[in-house]
């Protein structure tokens, strides 16, 4: 009897341990029995909160699912606008499991990658419909009254030329996000058992080939504006230069006029002085002029003068009184 008790105790202990399970914090558990999710008397799935719980050993299998809000950071995808222009849009979605039974069945056993793939497909389909009904300038621009959505996340980055016209148009970017959130939330809850908490457009880009053509057009426009400014600058420079030259010519003319008037007055005064001096002693004045002429004529020894000794030039050399030579 004692020998049978030990195996019985071991089996009982093993069954007890097999019947116990723990749900970690932040997760929820469902019990699968014969491939079906256990429900209560009201046919509602039994959801096990974090803590210690019990199940039927050997027949029940526990599946734990993440009950926290999860983020699906979508890769950039290409969409076509109503103008038949391509845009590349990056988005992200915040979601959490609401109906654990539906989620388990729809994702093939609670596979998170399958859930994200299905949810991403739903978001992309709705977003493609919204983008296809709008022009690019409406997509990249927000409302002019700067309204924001509730539970707004980080600011979006827009790197397209149409962003320059955002202040001139009524943008519908926020409206697109609201519509996508609403439509996706309904279908995701129905089909996947998840609740879409938030949807945001992170970034809107143009394809490289389109961006390059836009940059070339922008560069040509800036070069045209630069040429216009340079032409206007040259025109103003010519006007300023002409005005400066006119002012210089006017100043020079006035200065020359003043100089001539001053010089004329000085010459008149000098002539008056000479005339006054000459009238006081004409003979002495004539003598000084002759001496100055001698000094100038005989300053260079190599000069040769061929003159008549009795000429008027040698008047004071022949006679100290300056009498005319006969």
Foldseek 3Di string as FASTA:
>chain_A
DVVVVVVVVVVVVVQFVQFKDFAAPQKKKFKAFPNATDDDPVRAGDIHHGDMDTHGGPGIDMDIAGFDWDKDWDDWDWAAALVRAIKTWTKMWIKGAARVRLQCVLQVRNDPVSLSVVLVVLLVVLLNVVRHHHDPLQQQAAALVPDDDPPDDDDADEDDPSVVCNNVDGHCNRVSQVRSQVVSQVVCCVRNNMGTPGMHTRYMGHPPVVRVVVVVVVVVVVVVVVVVVVVVVVVVVVVVVVVVVVVVVVVVVVVVVVVVVVVVVVVVVVVVVVVVVCVVPVQVVVVVVLVVVVCVQPVDVVDDDDDDCQDLSCQCVVPVSSDRRD
